[in-house]
Protein backbone atom coordinates (compact mmCIF):
# COMPACT_ATOMS: atom_id res chain seq x y z
CA UNK A 1 161.11 190.42 -27.79
CA UNK A 2 164.87 190.47 -27.17
CA UNK A 3 166.34 193.72 -28.45
CA UNK A 4 169.73 193.99 -30.09
CA UNK A 5 172.17 196.36 -28.40
CA UNK A 6 171.50 199.21 -30.80
CA UNK A 7 167.75 199.18 -30.13
CA UNK A 8 168.14 198.46 -26.41
CA UNK A 9 170.25 201.59 -25.92
CA UNK A 10 167.77 203.62 -27.98
CA UNK A 11 165.03 202.40 -25.64
CA UNK A 12 167.08 203.38 -22.60
CA UNK A 13 167.70 206.86 -24.02
CA UNK A 14 163.96 207.31 -24.60
CA UNK A 15 162.98 206.12 -21.12
CA UNK A 16 165.69 208.07 -19.28
CA UNK A 17 164.95 211.34 -21.08
CA UNK A 18 168.16 211.67 -23.12
CA UNK A 19 166.02 211.65 -26.29
CA UNK A 20 163.41 214.16 -25.11
CA UNK A 21 161.01 215.14 -26.72
CA UNK A 22 160.71 211.51 -27.89
CA UNK A 23 158.55 209.34 -25.62
CA UNK A 24 158.43 206.26 -27.84
CA UNK A 25 159.77 204.83 -31.09
CA UNK A 26 158.77 206.92 -34.09
CA UNK A 27 155.49 206.44 -35.93
CA UNK A 28 155.49 206.63 -39.72
CA UNK A 29 154.66 210.36 -39.87
CA UNK A 30 157.47 211.24 -37.47
CA UNK A 31 159.90 208.88 -39.18
CA UNK A 32 159.21 210.42 -42.59
CA UNK A 33 159.32 213.96 -41.25
CA UNK A 34 162.54 213.51 -39.28
CA UNK A 35 164.32 211.81 -42.18
CA UNK A 36 163.24 214.65 -44.48
CA UNK A 37 163.50 217.73 -42.27
CA UNK A 38 165.01 216.91 -38.82
CA UNK A 39 161.64 217.85 -37.27
CA UNK A 40 158.85 215.56 -36.12
CA UNK A 41 155.38 215.79 -37.68
CA UNK A 42 154.40 218.07 -34.78
CA UNK A 43 157.34 220.40 -35.54
CA UNK A 44 159.61 219.32 -32.69
CA UNK A 45 163.33 219.31 -33.48
CA UNK A 46 164.89 215.85 -33.59
CA UNK A 47 167.69 215.27 -36.09
CA UNK A 48 167.74 211.48 -36.63
CA UNK A 49 165.17 208.66 -36.77
CA UNK A 50 164.72 206.34 -33.79
CA UNK A 51 162.74 203.23 -34.76
CA UNK A 52 161.91 199.71 -33.64
CA UNK A 53 162.22 196.99 -36.30
CA UNK A 54 160.40 193.65 -36.03
CA UNK A 55 159.73 190.72 -38.35
CA UNK A 56 156.02 190.65 -37.51
CA UNK A 57 153.52 192.51 -35.33
CA UNK A 58 149.88 193.55 -35.35
CA UNK A 59 148.09 196.64 -34.12
CA UNK A 60 146.88 196.13 -30.51
CA UNK A 61 149.72 193.72 -29.73
CA UNK A 62 151.46 194.31 -26.40
CA UNK A 63 155.12 193.47 -26.81
CA UNK A 64 157.63 192.93 -24.00
CA UNK A 65 160.90 194.70 -24.81
CA UNK A 66 163.73 192.77 -23.17
CA UNK A 67 167.49 192.77 -22.85
CA UNK A 68 169.46 189.68 -23.85
CA UNK A 69 168.61 187.92 -20.58
CA UNK A 70 164.84 188.24 -21.21
CA UNK A 71 164.63 190.89 -18.50
CA UNK A 72 161.68 193.12 -19.39
CA UNK A 73 162.56 196.81 -19.66
CA UNK A 74 159.29 198.07 -21.13
CA UNK A 75 156.04 197.13 -22.85
CA UNK A 76 155.03 198.58 -26.19
CA UNK A 77 151.29 198.85 -26.88
CA UNK A 78 151.37 198.71 -30.67
CA UNK A 79 149.15 201.19 -32.47
CA UNK A 80 150.98 201.33 -35.81
CA UNK A 81 152.85 198.89 -38.05
CA UNK A 82 154.49 200.20 -41.22
CA UNK A 83 156.95 199.06 -43.88
CA UNK A 84 159.94 201.42 -44.18
CA UNK A 85 161.89 202.19 -47.32
CA UNK A 86 165.34 201.56 -45.85
CA UNK A 87 167.26 202.91 -48.84
CA UNK A 88 165.23 206.12 -48.69
CA UNK A 89 165.86 206.39 -44.94
CA UNK A 90 169.60 205.93 -45.34
CA UNK A 91 169.84 208.41 -48.19
CA UNK A 92 167.81 211.08 -46.39
CA UNK A 93 168.87 210.58 -42.76
CA UNK A 94 172.51 209.53 -43.21
CA UNK A 95 173.25 210.96 -46.65
CA UNK A 96 174.37 207.66 -48.17
CA UNK A 97 173.37 204.12 -49.08
CA UNK A 98 177.00 202.98 -49.05
CA UNK A 99 177.18 200.10 -46.60
CA UNK A 100 180.77 200.93 -45.74
CA UNK A 101 179.05 203.33 -43.38
CA UNK A 102 178.69 201.25 -40.17
CA UNK A 103 175.18 202.37 -39.22
CA UNK A 104 173.91 202.22 -42.81
CA UNK A 105 175.24 198.67 -42.91
CA UNK A 106 173.27 197.95 -39.73
CA UNK A 107 170.10 199.53 -41.19
CA UNK A 108 170.40 197.49 -44.39
CA UNK A 109 169.70 194.41 -42.28
CA UNK A 110 166.19 195.81 -41.70
CA UNK A 111 165.20 195.72 -45.37
CA UNK A 112 162.60 192.98 -44.92
CA UNK A 113 161.37 194.12 -41.51
CA UNK A 114 158.58 196.36 -40.31
CA UNK A 115 158.71 199.33 -37.95
CA UNK A 116 156.28 199.57 -35.06
CA UNK A 117 155.23 202.36 -32.75
CA UNK A 118 152.82 202.88 -29.89
CA UNK A 119 152.54 203.73 -26.23
CA UNK A 120 155.69 202.82 -24.32
CA UNK A 121 155.41 201.81 -20.67
CA UNK A 122 158.53 201.34 -18.54
CA UNK A 123 158.42 198.14 -16.48
CA UNK A 124 161.90 197.90 -14.95
CA UNK A 125 165.06 199.97 -14.81
CA UNK A 126 167.81 198.67 -17.10
CA UNK A 127 170.42 196.65 -15.26
CA UNK A 128 174.05 197.71 -15.29
CA UNK A 129 176.53 196.18 -12.91
CA UNK A 130 179.59 198.34 -13.52
CA UNK A 131 180.43 201.98 -12.91
CA UNK A 132 177.06 202.54 -11.20
CA UNK A 133 178.34 205.71 -9.54
CA UNK A 134 178.82 207.28 -12.97
CA UNK A 135 175.55 206.20 -14.61
CA UNK A 136 173.56 209.37 -14.03
CA UNK A 137 170.14 210.16 -15.46
CA UNK A 138 169.36 213.61 -16.82
CA UNK A 139 167.22 214.12 -13.72
CA UNK A 140 170.24 213.33 -11.51
CA UNK A 141 172.34 215.97 -13.24
CA UNK A 142 169.55 218.55 -13.05
CA UNK A 143 169.36 217.85 -9.30
CA UNK A 144 173.10 218.49 -9.00
CA UNK A 145 172.70 221.77 -10.90
CA UNK A 146 169.98 222.93 -8.48
CA UNK A 147 171.87 221.71 -5.44
CA UNK A 148 175.15 223.45 -6.29
CA UNK A 149 173.77 226.43 -8.18
CA UNK A 150 175.82 225.78 -11.32
CA UNK A 151 175.23 228.44 -13.97
CA UNK A 152 177.44 227.02 -16.70
CA UNK A 153 177.73 223.33 -17.63
CA UNK A 154 179.90 222.44 -20.65
CA UNK A 155 179.21 219.08 -22.32
CA UNK A 156 182.02 217.05 -23.87
CA UNK A 157 181.25 214.06 -26.10
CA UNK A 158 183.77 211.28 -26.70
CA UNK A 159 183.93 207.62 -27.68
CA UNK A 160 187.73 207.45 -27.39
CA UNK A 161 190.23 207.55 -24.55
CA UNK A 162 191.16 211.10 -23.55
CA UNK A 163 194.70 212.11 -24.38
CA UNK A 164 196.47 215.37 -23.55
CA UNK A 165 195.00 217.25 -26.52
CA UNK A 166 191.45 216.31 -25.47
CA UNK A 167 192.19 217.28 -21.89
CA UNK A 168 193.56 220.65 -22.96
CA UNK A 169 190.58 221.16 -25.28
CA UNK A 170 188.14 220.75 -22.38
CA UNK A 171 190.11 223.26 -20.31
CA UNK A 172 190.12 225.66 -23.25
CA UNK A 173 186.34 225.22 -23.57
CA UNK A 174 185.78 226.04 -19.91
CA UNK A 175 187.81 229.23 -20.36
CA UNK A 176 185.70 230.24 -23.37
CA UNK A 177 182.55 230.45 -21.21
CA UNK A 178 184.06 233.39 -19.24
CA UNK A 179 182.62 231.81 -16.11
CA UNK A 180 185.34 230.94 -13.53
CA UNK A 181 182.88 228.54 -11.90
CA UNK A 182 181.99 226.67 -15.13
CA UNK A 183 181.60 222.91 -14.72
CA UNK A 184 182.63 220.25 -17.26
CA UNK A 185 180.21 217.39 -17.98
CA UNK A 186 182.50 214.64 -19.23
CA UNK A 187 179.84 212.54 -20.96
CA UNK A 188 181.42 209.61 -22.85
CA UNK A 189 179.35 207.15 -24.86
CA UNK A 190 179.17 203.60 -23.47
CA UNK A 191 176.68 202.14 -25.95
CA UNK A 192 177.38 200.68 -29.41
CA UNK A 193 179.85 202.80 -31.39
CA UNK A 194 182.18 201.46 -34.11
CA UNK A 195 183.38 197.83 -34.15
CA UNK A 196 187.06 198.78 -33.82
CA UNK A 197 186.59 201.23 -30.93
CA UNK A 198 188.22 200.54 -27.58
CA UNK A 199 185.92 198.72 -25.18
CA UNK A 200 184.08 201.13 -22.92
CA UNK A 201 185.31 199.63 -19.64
CA UNK A 202 188.89 200.42 -20.66
CA UNK A 203 187.93 203.95 -21.69
CA UNK A 204 186.01 204.63 -18.47
CA UNK A 205 189.05 203.68 -16.43
CA UNK A 206 191.08 206.11 -18.55
CA UNK A 207 188.57 208.91 -17.83
CA UNK A 208 188.56 208.15 -14.11
CA UNK A 209 192.35 208.17 -14.01
CA UNK A 210 192.65 211.79 -15.17
CA UNK A 211 189.91 213.43 -13.10
CA UNK A 212 192.42 214.64 -10.53
CA UNK A 213 194.38 216.35 -13.31
CA UNK A 214 191.71 219.06 -13.45
CA UNK A 215 192.74 220.33 -10.02
CA UNK A 216 190.22 222.84 -8.67
CA UNK A 217 188.08 222.79 -11.81
CA UNK A 218 184.80 220.95 -11.28
CA UNK A 219 184.26 217.90 -13.50
CA UNK A 220 181.26 215.55 -13.53
CA UNK A 221 181.82 212.16 -15.16
CA UNK A 222 178.54 210.69 -16.40
CA UNK A 223 178.27 207.74 -18.80
CA UNK A 224 175.87 208.05 -21.73
CA UNK A 225 174.07 204.83 -22.86
CA UNK A 226 173.84 205.92 -26.49
CA UNK A 227 173.88 204.03 -29.78
CA UNK A 228 176.03 206.14 -32.07
CA UNK A 229 174.93 206.40 -35.69
CA UNK A 230 178.24 207.90 -36.87
CA UNK A 231 176.00 210.31 -38.78
CA UNK A 232 178.33 213.31 -38.79
CA UNK A 233 176.55 216.70 -38.87
CA UNK A 234 173.10 215.43 -37.86
CA UNK A 235 174.60 213.36 -35.08
CA UNK A 236 176.44 216.44 -33.80
CA UNK A 237 173.01 218.06 -33.42
CA UNK A 238 171.65 214.95 -31.67
CA UNK A 239 174.60 215.02 -29.26
CA UNK A 240 173.92 218.68 -28.53
CA UNK A 241 170.23 217.96 -27.89
CA UNK A 242 171.14 215.15 -25.51
CA UNK A 243 173.45 217.50 -23.57
CA UNK A 244 170.72 220.12 -23.45
CA UNK A 245 168.48 217.45 -21.93
CA UNK A 246 171.24 216.76 -19.41
CA UNK A 247 171.34 220.39 -18.31
CA UNK A 248 174.26 221.68 -20.34
CA UNK A 249 174.45 225.34 -21.32
CA UNK A 250 177.33 224.75 -23.77
CA UNK A 251 178.49 221.89 -25.98
CA UNK A 252 181.88 221.29 -27.60
CA UNK A 253 181.83 220.33 -31.29
CA UNK A 254 184.75 219.91 -33.64
CA UNK A 255 185.69 219.02 -37.20
CA UNK A 256 184.25 215.75 -38.47
CA UNK A 257 182.25 215.31 -35.26
CA UNK A 258 180.77 211.78 -35.14
CA UNK A 259 181.97 210.93 -38.65
CA UNK A 260 182.82 207.26 -39.25
CA UNK A 261 186.46 206.26 -39.58
CA UNK A 262 185.47 204.09 -42.56
CA UNK A 263 185.59 205.63 -46.01
CA UNK A 264 183.14 205.25 -48.86
CA UNK A 265 183.63 202.58 -51.50
CA UNK A 266 185.27 205.28 -53.64
CA UNK A 267 187.70 206.20 -50.84
CA UNK A 268 186.09 209.48 -49.79
CA UNK A 269 184.98 210.77 -46.39
CA UNK A 270 181.28 210.29 -45.76
CA UNK A 271 180.90 213.88 -44.57
CA UNK A 272 182.70 217.14 -45.17
CA UNK A 273 184.78 217.66 -42.00
CA UNK A 274 183.44 221.21 -41.53
CA UNK A 275 179.75 220.34 -41.94
CA UNK A 276 179.21 219.20 -38.35
CA UNK A 277 180.21 222.59 -36.97
CA UNK A 278 178.12 224.43 -39.57
CA UNK A 279 174.98 222.39 -38.92
CA UNK A 280 175.29 222.63 -35.13
CA UNK A 281 175.75 226.40 -35.29
CA UNK A 282 172.70 226.62 -37.57
CA UNK A 283 170.46 224.76 -35.10
CA UNK A 284 172.05 225.81 -31.79
CA UNK A 285 169.31 228.32 -30.96
CA UNK A 286 166.60 225.78 -31.81
CA UNK A 287 168.25 223.27 -29.48
CA UNK A 288 168.84 225.92 -26.84
CA UNK A 289 172.55 225.40 -26.24
CA UNK A 290 175.67 227.46 -26.99
CA UNK A 291 178.34 226.04 -29.30
CA UNK A 292 181.99 225.95 -28.35
CA UNK A 293 183.92 225.25 -31.53
CA UNK A 294 186.78 222.87 -30.96
CA UNK A 295 190.19 224.24 -31.84
CA UNK A 296 193.00 222.10 -33.21
CA UNK A 297 194.99 221.85 -29.98
CA UNK A 298 198.62 220.82 -30.64
CA UNK A 299 201.76 220.26 -28.61
CA UNK A 300 204.28 223.06 -29.05
CA UNK A 301 207.55 221.27 -28.34
CA UNK A 302 209.54 224.49 -28.35
CA UNK A 303 207.50 226.01 -25.52
CA UNK A 304 206.49 222.59 -24.10
CA UNK A 305 202.83 223.56 -23.91
CA UNK A 306 199.56 222.69 -25.62
CA UNK A 307 197.88 225.52 -27.49
CA UNK A 308 195.55 226.21 -30.45
CA UNK A 309 197.54 225.77 -33.65
CA UNK A 310 196.88 229.35 -34.78
CA UNK A 311 198.83 230.58 -31.75
CA UNK A 312 201.96 228.59 -32.65
CA UNK A 313 204.86 230.66 -33.98
CA UNK A 314 206.26 229.68 -37.38
CA UNK A 315 209.62 229.05 -35.70
CA UNK A 316 208.21 226.66 -33.10
CA UNK A 317 208.26 222.88 -33.50
CA UNK A 318 204.97 220.99 -33.23
CA UNK A 319 204.89 217.31 -32.26
CA UNK A 320 202.27 214.98 -33.68
CA UNK A 321 201.44 211.31 -33.15
CA UNK A 322 199.01 209.83 -35.68
CA UNK A 323 196.33 207.31 -34.83
CA UNK A 324 198.15 204.56 -36.75
CA UNK A 325 201.42 205.33 -34.93
CA UNK A 326 199.61 205.20 -31.59
CA UNK A 327 198.02 201.83 -32.45
CA UNK A 328 201.40 200.46 -33.48
CA UNK A 329 203.00 201.56 -30.21
CA UNK A 330 200.18 200.02 -28.21
CA UNK A 331 200.38 196.81 -30.23
CA UNK A 332 204.08 196.51 -29.45
CA UNK A 333 203.65 197.51 -25.81
CA UNK A 334 205.85 200.56 -26.32
CA UNK A 335 205.65 203.61 -24.08
CA UNK A 336 203.50 206.46 -25.33
CA UNK A 337 205.20 209.87 -24.99
CA UNK A 338 204.17 211.84 -21.91
CA UNK A 339 203.56 214.90 -24.08
CA UNK A 340 200.87 212.94 -25.95
CA UNK A 341 199.01 211.27 -23.11
CA UNK A 342 199.15 211.02 -19.34
CA UNK A 343 201.14 208.08 -17.98
CA UNK A 344 198.09 206.68 -16.17
CA UNK A 345 196.17 206.53 -19.48
CA UNK A 346 199.14 205.03 -21.30
CA UNK A 347 199.50 202.29 -18.66
CA UNK A 348 195.83 201.29 -18.99
CA UNK A 349 195.91 201.19 -22.79
CA UNK A 350 199.14 199.20 -23.03
CA UNK A 351 197.89 196.67 -20.51
CA UNK A 352 194.62 196.34 -22.43
CA UNK A 353 196.36 195.80 -25.78
CA UNK A 354 198.64 193.13 -24.35
CA UNK A 355 195.58 191.16 -23.22
CA UNK A 356 193.60 191.25 -26.48
CA UNK A 357 192.29 187.96 -27.83
CA UNK A 358 192.34 186.75 -31.43
CA UNK A 359 189.85 184.93 -33.63
CA UNK A 360 190.73 183.28 -36.94
CA UNK A 361 187.47 182.32 -38.65
CA UNK A 362 187.92 179.86 -41.53
CA UNK A 363 185.00 179.53 -43.93
CA UNK A 364 184.31 177.62 -47.15
CA UNK A 365 182.49 174.69 -48.68
CA UNK A 366 182.51 171.23 -47.18
CA UNK A 367 185.78 169.61 -48.22
CA UNK A 368 187.57 172.90 -48.84
CA UNK A 369 190.19 172.15 -46.19
CA UNK A 370 188.97 174.21 -43.23
CA UNK A 371 189.57 171.64 -40.50
CA UNK A 372 193.00 170.72 -41.84
CA UNK A 373 194.11 174.34 -41.95
CA UNK A 374 192.66 175.02 -38.48
CA UNK A 375 194.63 172.19 -36.88
CA UNK A 376 197.85 172.93 -38.77
CA UNK A 377 197.60 176.61 -37.81
CA UNK A 378 197.11 175.68 -34.16
CA UNK A 379 200.20 173.45 -34.31
CA UNK A 380 202.25 176.19 -35.98
CA UNK A 381 201.36 178.70 -33.26
CA UNK A 382 201.98 176.36 -30.33
CA UNK A 383 205.34 175.27 -31.76
CA UNK A 384 206.66 178.82 -31.44
CA UNK A 385 204.51 180.17 -28.60
CA UNK A 386 204.29 177.26 -26.20
CA UNK A 387 202.28 179.17 -23.57
CA UNK A 388 199.48 180.18 -25.97
CA UNK A 389 196.19 178.44 -25.25
CA UNK A 390 194.16 177.87 -28.41
CA UNK A 391 190.58 176.69 -28.83
CA UNK A 392 189.28 175.20 -32.07
CA UNK A 393 185.56 175.49 -32.77
CA UNK A 394 185.07 172.99 -35.58
CA UNK A 395 181.73 172.98 -37.37
CA UNK A 396 181.12 169.24 -37.05
CA UNK A 397 181.97 169.17 -33.34
CA UNK A 398 179.84 172.25 -32.66
CA UNK A 399 176.91 170.61 -34.46
CA UNK A 400 177.24 167.59 -32.19
CA UNK A 401 177.34 169.60 -28.96
CA UNK A 402 176.55 173.32 -28.92
CA UNK A 403 174.07 173.19 -31.82
CA UNK A 404 172.64 169.74 -31.29
CA UNK A 405 169.02 169.70 -32.46
CA UNK A 406 169.42 172.36 -35.13
CA UNK A 407 168.57 171.38 -38.68
CA UNK A 408 169.83 172.78 -41.97
CA UNK A 409 167.16 175.34 -42.81
CA UNK A 410 168.45 178.82 -43.53
CA UNK A 411 167.33 179.97 -40.07
CA UNK A 412 169.03 177.03 -38.31
CA UNK A 413 172.24 177.48 -40.28
CA UNK A 414 172.25 181.16 -39.32
CA UNK A 415 171.65 180.29 -35.67
CA UNK A 416 174.49 177.79 -35.72
CA UNK A 417 176.99 180.30 -37.16
CA UNK A 418 175.99 183.01 -34.71
CA UNK A 419 176.30 180.61 -31.79
CA UNK A 420 179.85 179.90 -32.87
CA UNK A 421 180.43 183.63 -33.15
CA UNK A 422 179.10 184.23 -29.65
CA UNK A 423 181.31 181.54 -28.09
CA UNK A 424 184.30 182.86 -30.04
CA UNK A 425 183.60 186.40 -28.80
CA UNK A 426 183.63 185.19 -25.19
CA UNK A 427 187.01 183.51 -25.72
CA UNK A 428 188.42 186.64 -27.38
CA UNK A 429 186.91 188.88 -24.69
CA UNK A 430 188.98 187.07 -22.08
CA UNK A 431 192.23 187.25 -24.05
CA UNK A 432 192.11 183.80 -25.63
CA UNK A 433 192.88 182.58 -29.14
CA UNK A 434 190.14 180.77 -31.06
CA UNK A 435 190.19 179.20 -34.51
CA UNK A 436 186.72 178.62 -35.97
CA UNK A 437 186.18 176.30 -38.92
CA UNK A 438 182.70 176.01 -40.39
CA UNK A 439 180.94 176.62 -43.69
CA UNK A 440 179.18 179.85 -42.61
CA UNK A 441 177.31 180.18 -45.92
CA UNK A 442 175.56 183.54 -45.40
CA UNK A 443 177.39 186.85 -45.51
CA UNK A 444 175.15 188.63 -43.00
CA UNK A 445 176.05 186.07 -40.34
CA UNK A 446 179.75 186.38 -41.10
CA UNK A 447 179.58 190.18 -40.87
CA UNK A 448 177.59 189.98 -37.62
CA UNK A 449 180.24 187.70 -36.11
CA UNK A 450 183.02 190.04 -37.22
CA UNK A 451 181.27 193.03 -35.68
CA UNK A 452 180.73 191.19 -32.39
CA UNK A 453 184.20 189.71 -32.08
CA UNK A 454 186.09 192.86 -33.15
CA UNK A 455 184.54 194.59 -30.16
CA UNK A 456 186.89 192.56 -27.97
CA UNK A 457 189.96 191.78 -30.05
CA UNK A 458 191.41 190.86 -33.42
CA UNK A 459 189.38 189.09 -36.09
CA UNK A 460 190.67 187.50 -39.28
CA UNK A 461 188.37 185.83 -41.79
CA UNK A 462 189.95 183.18 -44.00
CA UNK A 463 187.98 182.10 -47.08
CA UNK A 464 189.00 178.71 -48.43
CA UNK A 465 188.00 179.48 -52.01
CA UNK A 466 188.30 175.88 -53.11
CA UNK A 467 186.24 175.11 -56.22
CA UNK A 468 183.12 172.98 -55.99
CA UNK A 469 184.69 170.46 -58.39
CA UNK A 470 187.71 169.98 -56.12
CA UNK A 471 185.47 169.62 -53.04
CA UNK A 472 183.33 167.05 -54.88
CA UNK A 473 186.41 165.10 -55.88
CA UNK A 474 187.63 165.02 -52.29
CA UNK A 475 184.25 164.20 -50.72
CA UNK A 476 185.96 162.68 -47.68
CA UNK A 477 182.64 162.41 -45.81
CA UNK A 478 180.59 161.15 -48.75
CA UNK A 479 178.21 164.11 -48.39
CA UNK A 480 178.35 165.34 -52.00
CA UNK A 481 177.43 161.87 -53.24
CA UNK A 482 174.39 161.84 -50.94
CA UNK A 483 173.42 165.36 -52.02
CA UNK A 484 173.72 164.51 -55.72
CA UNK A 485 171.53 161.46 -55.17
CA UNK A 486 168.92 163.64 -53.49
CA UNK A 487 169.37 161.87 -50.17
CA UNK A 488 170.78 164.95 -48.42
CA UNK A 489 168.62 168.04 -48.72
CA UNK A 490 169.76 171.64 -48.23
CA UNK A 491 173.44 170.96 -48.83
CA UNK A 492 175.66 174.00 -49.36
CA UNK A 493 177.11 174.20 -52.85
CA UNK A 494 174.60 171.75 -54.32
CA UNK A 495 171.06 172.68 -53.28
CA UNK A 496 171.82 175.65 -51.03
CA UNK A 497 174.01 178.68 -51.82
CA UNK A 498 177.34 179.73 -50.40
CA UNK A 499 177.28 183.54 -50.58
CA UNK A 500 180.49 185.16 -51.77
CA UNK A 501 182.21 186.80 -48.78
CA UNK A 502 182.48 190.58 -48.93
CA UNK A 503 185.09 191.17 -46.24
CA UNK A 504 187.58 188.29 -46.04
CA UNK A 505 191.07 189.07 -44.77
CA UNK A 506 192.56 186.09 -46.63
CA UNK A 507 191.21 184.53 -49.83
CA UNK A 508 193.00 181.27 -50.50
CA UNK A 509 192.76 179.07 -53.58
CA UNK A 510 195.26 176.96 -55.54
CA UNK A 511 197.66 177.38 -52.62
CA UNK A 512 199.54 174.72 -50.70
CA UNK A 513 198.63 174.14 -47.06
CA UNK A 514 202.09 175.27 -46.01
CA UNK A 515 201.81 178.56 -47.89
CA UNK A 516 198.34 179.17 -46.46
CA UNK A 517 199.50 178.54 -42.92
CA UNK A 518 202.56 180.74 -43.34
CA UNK A 519 200.48 183.64 -44.74
CA UNK A 520 198.14 183.58 -41.77
CA UNK A 521 200.92 182.98 -39.26
CA UNK A 522 202.92 185.96 -40.51
CA UNK A 523 200.04 188.28 -39.62
CA UNK A 524 199.41 186.59 -36.26
CA UNK A 525 203.10 186.63 -35.45
CA UNK A 526 203.11 190.44 -35.77
CA UNK A 527 200.11 190.55 -33.42
CA UNK A 528 201.80 188.31 -30.85
CA UNK A 529 205.00 190.37 -30.91
């Protein structure tokens, strides 16, 4: 069984001891108990469910759990198969069934699946080929603690690059321990986070670049292979438990810790910003770790220092750079102020942004104009930006080559769309521009492609909302005629559905080709500049 990234990183956390006391994926009793109370059925504290979803399995099966290369990480000896109530899980564990929440959206894909549990046996160590020096196990860190006699280890969680305010916060946290020999465990997440987060390899280089800035203060950089749930207060407790398992005596938590950047469908935050601190403080003794509450560290321009905002005089001037302003500066390749971030971090981020790839994914019924728009858009871009290299992944050509042998069942259609998404993600990952044009009838596949591709660059979905009547009238390939005569089975729009997209960036109908192209180009032009 090939695991998706979310489940693979859960497996790694179980096997490496980050998720202690868990030793396997949760059985039904533990799943129900954790969702309801944050304790397992045997009264062990664990704040969020960790489960393994499958389409089919039987008790006494022995299942190989593999990464995406079929490399076996572990075997699961199945002793329980159960059907979860996903809506109940989301409501109880994550506090919402709103699929704007990224992890709830992921869980909703498990609605028709089963959960399995059983004895887990490690077969091989997971393979990572980068930053091996910084991929420490909890046992490695405990060995370092014994070797050096560290009494105080402060854990810092992040999924973002570290700017000056984060750096100053960690120094403030070390001071709060009242131990001059306190050590900082800089423990960034390198597993799945949010789709729009900066790729971990870029972030790790940012962390490495500032280690010398700590001077004589001891800092240990260790990468955490965690799937983030973006579950706010409960995730703050999970993060604290993980740091306890990694030997930390203290853990830094702040407002809106691990809350998603997305908002609910009604425009609200998913969690009260103060709830993460409150819940962590409530369970700190149970976890066995001391909280350090993050202060709002700001730049006092008058005194040219960073300090907690409550220490700033009313006559002093405070500088602030919002997240949107930072993204805009990076997009334009502009310098980031030295007061906001260190120059070495700024250089890495600007270079990364300038190399980001782009995917324009055009969807719609057969005959809606996808191929025409794809080729005209390519021509429009290359006319102005002659050095841009653009790949078109056209549905018909892909069917002839990459997806040769696939039929038109729902499963084969899904496979075809996700293959296109995978190839597009590889192009975007390496800074290229790709224009995809295929029907892509199912929304889950479109959302999966968006999530994958946005990990590496920009993604724009274009829905050619051309009516079925217009597409029939065009029928340039004669396919609608064959479908109407019953000679072509499983044809989208006639005998098979085209699901209404839920997240298109452009919805185009009753619009001239020129206007369509110009609308898309205007957005891309801003990206290129």
